[in-house]
Amino acid sequence: MDFSPDPDLELLRQSVRRFVATEIEPAVGDYERDGRFPRPIVEKMGAAGLFGAAFPGSLGGSAMGFQAVAAIAEELSRTRPEFGYAMNMQAMTCPFTIFNWGSAEQAERFVPDLIAGRRLGMFALTEAGGGSDPAGAMQTRAARAGGGYRLNGAKMWITMADVCDTGVIFAKTDPAAGHRGITAFVIEPGSAPGFRADPVSMSSLSPLFRSSAVFLDDVAVPAENRLGEEGEGFKIAMNALDFGRLTVAARLLGLAQGCLDHAVDYANRRVVGGRPIGRYQRVQQAIADMTVNGAAARLLVERLGWTMDRGLPMTRTAAHAKYFAQRAAKHAADSAAEIFGGYALADEYPIGRLAAYVNVLNVGEGTANVQRVLIAEDALGIKDADRHPLRNRAGRDREAG
């Protein structure tokens, strides 16, 4: 067992930090003031190869693997967590689902532009009444019409739907069949009359990457845009969420590390009673706990990336990583807020912003309670977490499923 840092991943981390410092930080303020989506920055992220680590060179990727995906997502989220959404949509849930479940023609048609940042993605599963049961509560319908399908219904909390060019969306083709009646499609909103996305106002988050309510009014989708077979949508969605948990867990790890970085810096500079507050035992205890929690979360996230790179069953490992990374990030945000005191709410410090994204990512790709149920049922022998067949076309050692 080798715990030494991977030199290639360390160079990648340094590259991402430089990108954030030179391409994101100087420009992001203008986009936030104007409320504009930072498409030019996303395009630069694509051109820099930040979205292509899980994809083969034939599609424009670097084939660096899932550990590289996690490293990129973590580094972005340490300082600019809103750009972690771009990693989810452009590097994982949208393009990887197409690559993993689509035909070779679909992968060639959609994936290169998504990972290059030329087209923007979305992943539309959740509905207003769904919560943690997206399949059971799904009301969106897809009916055969001519040579394709007509989609009617609504989705909720869909990130980047208001700017999306290419998205993966789920609808019931056979409502009587329950979760076995769900089918996945690739949708192109720009050429799909009847598609509407209404952004939801969320004052505590950056306005750059918005979530929307999506409305589908007789939206036509050609048959060649169906992913997999009819009725495979639930399996595709669950598989996609497992992969998405890597980026979400890595983003939470980045948030935890960002909170720790700022807390350490502040504790060394803030003087109370004639000495830095970092010399007081209570602050030291908080820093120690943040450090150890972050180290443990990092091991789980790295283990998940390692598992995915080898095409091994990963649902159990993904749940472990996502659940503990969320706990570590929540503890780090709360502890940093205590260390900063009232300054945690000041705009000059990022603690409030980081904490807001910790709370949001608790929900993404399955809430903490969903992960706990999965982990507990697996441990108790009620349900084997890795019972479902795995599809991982990017697994470097073998493909399963």
Protein backbone atom coordinates (compact mmCIF):
# COMPACT_ATOMS: atom_id res chain seq x y z
CA MET A 1 0.00 0.00 0.00
CA ASP A 2 1.61 3.22 -1.19
CA PHE A 3 0.49 6.53 0.33
CA SER A 4 3.07 8.70 -1.40
CA PRO A 5 1.60 11.56 -3.48
CA ASP A 6 1.17 10.90 -7.19
CA PRO A 7 3.50 13.38 -8.95
CA ASP A 8 1.11 13.75 -11.89
CA LEU A 9 -1.81 14.55 -9.59
CA GLU A 10 0.30 17.05 -7.65
CA LEU A 11 1.19 18.83 -10.90
CA LEU A 12 -2.48 18.78 -11.86
CA ARG A 13 -3.46 20.35 -8.53
CA GLN A 14 -0.90 23.11 -9.03
CA SER A 15 -2.23 23.70 -12.53
CA VAL A 16 -5.81 24.05 -11.25
CA ARG A 17 -4.70 26.50 -8.54
CA ARG A 18 -2.96 28.63 -11.19
CA PHE A 19 -6.07 28.51 -13.35
CA VAL A 20 -8.26 29.71 -10.48
CA ALA A 21 -5.81 32.51 -9.65
CA THR A 22 -5.32 33.73 -13.22
CA GLU A 23 -8.57 32.94 -15.05
CA ILE A 24 -11.36 32.82 -12.45
CA GLU A 25 -10.50 35.24 -9.65
CA PRO A 26 -9.75 38.28 -11.84
CA ALA A 27 -12.94 37.89 -13.91
CA VAL A 28 -15.60 36.40 -11.67
CA GLY A 29 -16.57 39.65 -9.95
CA ASP A 30 -17.84 41.21 -13.18
CA TYR A 31 -20.06 38.21 -13.90
CA GLU A 32 -21.44 38.21 -10.36
CA ARG A 33 -22.26 41.93 -10.48
CA ASP A 34 -24.04 41.54 -13.82
CA GLY A 35 -25.68 38.21 -12.97
CA ARG A 36 -24.28 36.71 -16.17
CA PHE A 37 -23.38 33.08 -16.66
CA PRO A 38 -19.56 32.87 -17.06
CA ARG A 39 -19.58 30.92 -20.32
CA PRO A 40 -16.14 32.22 -21.39
CA ILE A 41 -14.62 30.92 -18.15
CA VAL A 42 -16.29 27.53 -18.59
CA GLU A 43 -14.95 27.40 -22.14
CA LYS A 44 -11.46 28.11 -20.81
CA MET A 45 -11.90 25.34 -18.25
CA GLY A 46 -12.73 22.98 -21.08
CA ALA A 47 -9.81 24.16 -23.19
CA ALA A 48 -7.51 23.63 -20.20
CA GLY A 49 -8.64 20.00 -20.00
CA LEU A 50 -10.38 20.29 -16.63
CA PHE A 51 -13.46 18.37 -17.82
CA GLY A 52 -11.83 15.56 -19.78
CA ALA A 53 -9.93 13.47 -17.23
CA ALA A 54 -12.39 10.53 -17.27
CA PHE A 55 -12.63 10.33 -21.07
CA PRO A 56 -10.44 8.70 -23.71
CA GLY A 57 -8.32 10.70 -26.10
CA SER A 58 -10.58 9.68 -28.99
CA LEU A 59 -13.29 11.94 -27.51
CA GLY A 60 -10.95 14.76 -26.57
CA GLY A 61 -10.19 13.63 -23.03
CA SER A 62 -6.90 13.04 -21.24
CA ALA A 63 -7.74 9.60 -19.74
CA MET A 64 -6.05 10.65 -16.48
CA GLY A 65 -8.80 8.90 -14.55
CA PHE A 66 -11.23 9.52 -11.73
CA GLN A 67 -8.61 10.38 -9.14
CA ALA A 68 -7.75 13.30 -11.38
CA VAL A 69 -11.44 14.26 -11.60
CA ALA A 70 -11.56 14.37 -7.80
CA ALA A 71 -8.37 16.42 -7.54
CA ILE A 72 -9.72 19.04 -9.96
CA ALA A 73 -13.09 19.27 -8.22
CA GLU A 74 -11.44 19.62 -4.82
CA GLU A 75 -9.06 22.38 -5.88
CA LEU A 76 -11.83 24.39 -7.51
CA SER A 77 -14.00 24.14 -4.41
CA ARG A 78 -11.31 25.25 -1.96
CA THR A 79 -11.72 28.84 -3.15
CA ARG A 80 -14.46 28.99 -5.81
CA PRO A 81 -17.03 26.32 -4.92
CA GLU A 82 -19.59 27.57 -7.43
CA PHE A 83 -17.36 26.37 -10.27
CA GLY A 84 -17.63 22.86 -8.88
CA TYR A 85 -21.04 22.78 -10.56
CA ALA A 86 -19.26 22.98 -13.88
CA MET A 87 -17.33 19.84 -12.93
CA ASN A 88 -20.56 17.99 -12.19
CA MET A 89 -22.29 19.01 -15.41
CA GLN A 90 -19.36 19.16 -17.84
CA ALA A 91 -17.12 16.38 -16.53
CA MET A 92 -19.37 13.80 -14.94
CA THR A 93 -23.16 13.45 -14.69
CA CYS A 94 -24.09 14.72 -18.15
CA PRO A 95 -21.24 13.71 -20.50
CA PHE A 96 -20.19 10.61 -18.60
CA THR A 97 -23.74 9.26 -18.57
CA ILE A 98 -23.86 9.67 -22.34
CA PHE A 99 -20.44 8.05 -22.72
CA ASN A 100 -21.25 5.24 -20.30
CA TRP A 101 -24.73 4.33 -21.57
CA GLY A 102 -25.04 5.80 -25.03
CA SER A 103 -24.03 4.37 -28.36
CA ALA A 104 -20.67 5.13 -29.93
CA GLU A 105 -22.48 7.54 -32.26
CA GLN A 106 -24.09 9.37 -29.34
CA ALA A 107 -20.78 9.63 -27.50
CA GLU A 108 -19.06 11.05 -30.58
CA ARG A 109 -21.93 13.46 -31.22
CA PHE A 110 -22.26 14.92 -27.73
CA VAL A 111 -19.27 14.25 -25.47
CA PRO A 112 -16.43 16.18 -27.20
CA ASP A 113 -18.29 19.50 -27.16
CA LEU A 114 -19.40 19.03 -23.54
CA ILE A 115 -15.95 18.29 -22.13
CA ALA A 116 -14.44 21.06 -24.25
CA GLY A 117 -16.88 23.55 -22.73
CA ARG A 118 -18.33 24.43 -26.12
CA ARG A 119 -21.74 23.12 -25.08
CA LEU A 120 -23.21 23.30 -21.58
CA GLY A 121 -24.79 20.29 -19.87
CA MET A 122 -27.49 19.47 -17.35
CA PHE A 123 -28.84 16.37 -15.60
CA ALA A 124 -32.61 16.49 -15.08
CA LEU A 125 -33.86 13.78 -12.72
CA THR A 126 -35.40 15.50 -9.67
CA GLU A 127 -39.02 16.67 -9.59
CA ALA A 128 -40.79 18.96 -7.13
CA GLY A 129 -42.56 16.08 -5.39
CA GLY A 130 -39.66 13.67 -5.57
CA GLY A 131 -37.05 14.59 -3.00
CA SER A 132 -35.10 11.43 -2.16
CA ASP A 133 -37.55 9.26 -4.14
CA PRO A 134 -37.13 10.57 -7.70
CA ALA A 135 -38.40 7.38 -9.33
CA GLY A 136 -41.53 6.81 -7.28
CA ALA A 137 -42.67 10.42 -7.54
CA MET A 138 -41.76 10.98 -11.20
CA GLN A 139 -44.63 12.53 -13.15
CA THR A 140 -42.81 13.47 -16.36
CA ARG A 141 -44.03 11.35 -19.27
CA ALA A 142 -42.51 10.38 -22.60
CA ALA A 143 -44.94 9.08 -25.22
CA ARG A 144 -44.02 7.69 -28.60
CA ALA A 145 -44.90 10.04 -31.42
CA GLY A 146 -43.94 9.43 -35.03
CA GLY A 147 -40.27 8.55 -35.16
CA GLY A 148 -39.52 9.76 -31.65
CA TYR A 149 -41.03 10.83 -28.34
CA ARG A 150 -42.98 13.72 -26.85
CA LEU A 151 -42.06 14.76 -23.30
CA ASN A 152 -44.47 16.47 -20.92
CA GLY A 153 -43.95 17.34 -17.27
CA ALA A 154 -41.67 19.33 -14.99
CA LYS A 155 -38.35 19.01 -13.18
CA MET A 156 -37.00 20.93 -10.20
CA TRP A 157 -33.60 22.07 -8.92
CA ILE A 158 -31.90 21.46 -12.26
CA THR A 159 -28.49 23.14 -12.31
CA MET A 160 -27.56 25.07 -15.47
CA ALA A 161 -30.90 24.30 -17.14
CA ASP A 162 -31.26 27.99 -18.01
CA VAL A 163 -28.07 27.93 -20.10
CA CYS A 164 -28.01 24.27 -21.14
CA ASP A 165 -27.23 23.15 -24.70
CA THR A 166 -27.24 19.38 -24.12
CA GLY A 167 -28.82 17.55 -21.20
CA VAL A 168 -29.75 14.13 -19.90
CA ILE A 169 -33.39 13.92 -18.83
CA PHE A 170 -35.57 11.14 -17.42
CA ALA A 171 -39.25 10.42 -18.06
CA LYS A 172 -41.70 7.55 -17.66
CA THR A 173 -42.48 5.70 -20.87
CA ASP A 174 -44.54 3.11 -18.97
CA PRO A 175 -46.10 4.68 -15.83
CA ALA A 176 -47.60 1.36 -14.74
CA ALA A 177 -44.16 -0.26 -14.48
CA GLY A 178 -42.87 1.92 -11.64
CA HIS A 179 -39.13 2.50 -11.71
CA ARG A 180 -38.82 -0.06 -14.52
CA GLY A 181 -40.86 2.26 -16.71
CA ILE A 182 -38.34 5.14 -16.66
CA THR A 183 -36.33 5.95 -19.78
CA ALA A 184 -33.38 8.31 -20.29
CA PHE A 185 -33.00 10.77 -23.15
CA VAL A 186 -30.56 13.36 -24.42
CA ILE A 187 -32.32 16.67 -24.94
CA GLU A 188 -31.09 19.77 -26.77
CA PRO A 189 -33.13 22.70 -25.42
CA GLY A 190 -32.02 25.15 -28.10
CA SER A 191 -33.75 23.09 -30.77
CA ALA A 192 -36.61 21.85 -28.57
CA PRO A 193 -39.68 24.13 -28.61
CA GLY A 194 -41.69 23.68 -25.43
CA PHE A 195 -38.66 23.57 -23.11
CA ARG A 196 -38.60 26.32 -20.47
CA ALA A 197 -36.26 26.87 -17.52
CA ASP A 198 -37.15 29.35 -14.76
CA PRO A 199 -34.19 30.04 -12.41
CA VAL A 200 -34.84 29.80 -8.68
CA SER A 201 -33.61 32.69 -6.53
CA MET A 202 -31.14 31.52 -3.86
CA SER A 203 -29.72 34.59 -2.14
CA SER A 204 -27.01 32.81 -0.15
CA LEU A 205 -25.36 31.32 -3.25
CA SER A 206 -23.49 32.80 -6.17
CA PRO A 207 -25.83 33.85 -9.03
CA LEU A 208 -23.48 32.32 -11.60
CA PHE A 209 -24.60 28.67 -11.58
CA ARG A 210 -28.33 28.71 -11.01
CA SER A 211 -30.83 25.92 -10.43
CA SER A 212 -34.13 26.07 -12.29
CA ALA A 213 -37.61 24.72 -12.47
CA VAL A 214 -37.89 23.07 -15.89
CA PHE A 215 -41.16 22.77 -17.80
CA LEU A 216 -41.69 20.42 -20.74
CA ASP A 217 -44.65 21.13 -22.99
CA ASP A 218 -44.85 18.51 -25.72
CA VAL A 219 -41.08 18.61 -26.28
CA ALA A 220 -40.04 16.48 -29.25
CA VAL A 221 -37.05 14.17 -28.78
CA PRO A 222 -35.87 12.01 -31.70
CA ALA A 223 -35.57 8.27 -31.15
CA GLU A 224 -31.83 8.44 -31.79
CA ASN A 225 -31.52 10.56 -28.63
CA ARG A 226 -32.81 7.84 -26.32
CA LEU A 227 -30.08 6.55 -23.97
CA GLY A 228 -30.12 2.79 -23.63
CA GLU A 229 -33.37 0.88 -23.94
CA GLU A 230 -36.83 1.85 -22.78
CA GLY A 231 -37.14 1.06 -19.08
CA GLU A 232 -33.40 1.35 -18.34
CA GLY A 233 -33.64 4.93 -17.09
CA PHE A 234 -33.69 4.15 -13.37
CA LYS A 235 -30.60 1.96 -13.66
CA ILE A 236 -28.88 4.68 -15.69
CA ALA A 237 -29.81 7.35 -13.14
CA MET A 238 -28.59 5.37 -10.13
CA ASN A 239 -25.34 4.54 -11.90
CA ALA A 240 -24.91 8.21 -12.81
CA LEU A 241 -25.46 9.31 -9.21
CA ASP A 242 -22.74 6.93 -8.03
CA PHE A 243 -20.30 8.57 -10.43
CA GLY A 244 -21.56 12.02 -9.47
CA ARG A 245 -20.86 11.28 -5.81
CA LEU A 246 -17.16 11.37 -6.61
CA THR A 247 -17.27 15.02 -7.67
CA VAL A 248 -19.67 15.98 -4.87
CA ALA A 249 -17.51 14.27 -2.23
CA ALA A 250 -14.39 15.89 -3.67
CA ARG A 251 -16.10 19.28 -3.67
CA LEU A 252 -17.06 18.80 -0.02
CA LEU A 253 -13.47 17.86 0.73
CA GLY A 254 -12.37 21.06 -0.99
CA LEU A 255 -14.81 23.08 1.10
CA ALA A 256 -13.52 21.46 4.29
CA GLN A 257 -9.94 22.22 3.28
CA GLY A 258 -10.83 25.78 2.34
CA CYS A 259 -12.45 26.37 5.73
CA LEU A 260 -9.38 24.92 7.46
CA ASP A 261 -6.99 27.05 5.38
CA HIS A 262 -8.83 30.25 6.28
CA ALA A 263 -9.26 29.26 9.94
CA VAL A 264 -5.54 28.56 10.35
CA ASP A 265 -4.60 31.84 8.69
CA TYR A 266 -7.06 33.82 10.80
CA ALA A 267 -6.08 32.06 14.05
CA ASN A 268 -2.45 32.99 13.46
CA ARG A 269 -3.24 36.66 12.72
CA ARG A 270 -6.09 37.49 15.08
CA VAL A 271 -4.72 38.72 18.42
CA VAL A 272 -6.81 38.62 21.61
CA GLY A 273 -5.39 39.11 25.09
CA GLY A 274 -1.95 39.85 23.71
CA ARG A 275 -1.48 36.67 21.69
CA PRO A 276 -2.88 35.02 18.53
CA ILE A 277 -6.09 33.12 19.18
CA GLY A 278 -4.39 30.04 17.73
CA ARG A 279 -2.48 29.82 21.01
CA TYR A 280 -5.70 29.18 22.93
CA GLN A 281 -6.59 25.55 23.58
CA ARG A 282 -10.21 25.74 22.39
CA VAL A 283 -9.14 27.05 18.99
CA GLN A 284 -6.38 24.44 18.79
CA GLN A 285 -8.90 21.69 19.50
CA ALA A 286 -11.12 22.90 16.67
CA ILE A 287 -8.17 23.09 14.26
CA ALA A 288 -7.07 19.58 15.27
CA ASP A 289 -10.52 18.11 14.66
CA MET A 290 -10.83 19.89 11.31
CA THR A 291 -7.42 18.58 10.25
CA VAL A 292 -8.11 14.94 11.17
CA ASN A 293 -11.62 14.93 9.67
CA GLY A 294 -10.23 16.36 6.45
CA ALA A 295 -7.47 13.75 6.32
CA ALA A 296 -9.97 10.92 6.82
CA ALA A 297 -12.31 12.33 4.18
CA ARG A 298 -9.40 12.60 1.75
CA LEU A 299 -8.57 8.92 2.15
CA LEU A 300 -12.19 7.95 1.41
CA VAL A 301 -12.39 10.21 -1.65
CA GLU A 302 -9.06 8.95 -2.98
CA ARG A 303 -10.17 5.36 -2.38
CA LEU A 304 -13.34 6.03 -4.37
CA GLY A 305 -11.36 7.45 -7.28
CA TRP A 306 -8.99 4.47 -7.15
CA THR A 307 -11.95 2.05 -7.14
CA MET A 308 -13.59 3.77 -10.09
CA ASP A 309 -10.35 3.84 -12.08
CA ARG A 310 -10.28 0.05 -11.87
CA GLY A 311 -13.88 -0.54 -12.83
CA LEU A 312 -14.67 -2.14 -9.47
CA PRO A 313 -18.06 -2.08 -7.70
CA MET A 314 -18.28 1.33 -6.08
CA THR A 315 -21.75 2.08 -4.63
CA ARG A 316 -20.66 1.26 -1.08
CA THR A 317 -17.43 3.24 -1.39
CA ALA A 318 -19.24 6.18 -2.99
CA ALA A 319 -21.72 6.33 -0.11
CA HIS A 320 -18.90 6.21 2.46
CA ALA A 321 -17.00 9.01 0.74
CA LYS A 322 -19.97 11.29 0.18
CA TYR A 323 -21.36 10.83 3.68
CA PHE A 324 -18.14 11.39 5.58
CA ALA A 325 -16.95 14.25 3.36
CA GLN A 326 -20.22 16.03 4.08
CA ARG A 327 -19.75 15.54 7.83
CA ALA A 328 -16.17 16.79 7.64
CA ALA A 329 -17.20 19.83 5.61
CA LYS A 330 -20.09 20.68 7.92
CA HIS A 331 -17.87 20.42 10.99
CA ALA A 332 -15.18 22.53 9.30
CA ALA A 333 -17.65 25.24 8.31
CA ASP A 334 -19.18 25.40 11.79
CA SER A 335 -15.76 25.42 13.48
CA ALA A 336 -14.42 28.10 11.15
CA ALA A 337 -17.47 30.25 11.88
CA GLU A 338 -16.78 29.95 15.62
CA ILE A 339 -13.14 30.90 15.13
CA PHE A 340 -14.00 33.91 12.97
CA GLY A 341 -16.86 35.02 15.19
CA GLY A 342 -18.84 37.87 13.66
CA TYR A 343 -16.31 38.22 10.86
CA ALA A 344 -17.57 34.93 9.42
CA LEU A 345 -20.51 36.95 8.07
CA ALA A 346 -18.37 39.72 6.58
CA ASP A 347 -18.03 39.81 2.80
CA GLU A 348 -14.26 40.22 3.06
CA TYR A 349 -14.02 36.65 4.35
CA PRO A 350 -15.33 33.61 2.43
CA ILE A 351 -16.52 31.51 5.38
CA GLY A 352 -20.21 32.33 4.92
CA ARG A 353 -20.04 31.50 1.22
CA LEU A 354 -18.22 28.21 1.82
CA ALA A 355 -20.73 27.23 4.51
CA ALA A 356 -23.66 27.89 2.17
CA TYR A 357 -22.26 25.45 -0.39
CA VAL A 358 -21.65 22.83 2.31
CA ASN A 359 -25.38 22.88 3.05
CA VAL A 360 -26.32 22.65 -0.63
CA LEU A 361 -23.96 19.74 -1.32
CA ASN A 362 -25.45 17.81 1.57
CA VAL A 363 -28.40 17.28 -0.78
CA GLY A 364 -26.60 16.75 -4.08
CA GLU A 365 -26.42 13.15 -5.36
CA GLY A 366 -28.35 11.93 -2.33
CA THR A 367 -28.73 13.45 1.12
CA ALA A 368 -26.65 12.44 4.11
CA ASN A 369 -29.60 10.45 5.44
CA VAL A 370 -29.93 8.55 2.15
CA GLN A 371 -26.25 7.61 2.40
CA ARG A 372 -26.70 6.53 6.02
CA VAL A 373 -29.58 4.22 5.11
CA LEU A 374 -27.57 2.68 2.27
CA ILE A 375 -24.52 2.22 4.50
CA ALA A 376 -26.52 0.78 7.41
CA GLU A 377 -28.53 -1.66 5.29
CA ASP A 378 -25.30 -2.84 3.69
CA ALA A 379 -23.59 -3.31 7.08
CA LEU A 380 -26.63 -5.13 8.53
CA GLY A 381 -26.86 -7.49 5.57
CA ILE A 382 -30.29 -6.18 4.55
CA LYS A 383 -29.18 -5.01 1.11
CA ASP A 384 -25.76 -5.42 -0.47
CA ALA A 385 -24.84 -1.89 -1.58
CA ASP A 386 -22.89 -3.27 -4.53
CA ARG A 387 -25.64 -5.65 -5.65
CA HIS A 388 -26.45 -3.71 -8.83
CA PRO A 389 -24.48 -4.45 -12.00
CA LEU A 390 -21.91 -1.74 -12.64
CA ARG A 391 -21.24 -0.08 -15.95
CA ASN A 392 -17.96 1.83 -16.12
CA ARG A 393 -16.58 2.20 -19.61
CA ALA A 394 -13.71 4.30 -18.28
CA GLY A 395 -12.46 1.68 -15.78
CA ARG A 396 -8.87 1.24 -16.85
CA ASP A 397 -8.23 -2.34 -15.71
CA ARG A 398 -11.52 -3.98 -16.57
CA GLU A 399 -15.12 -3.22 -17.48
CA ALA A 400 -17.89 -4.64 -15.33
CA GLY A 401 -21.59 -4.86 -16.03
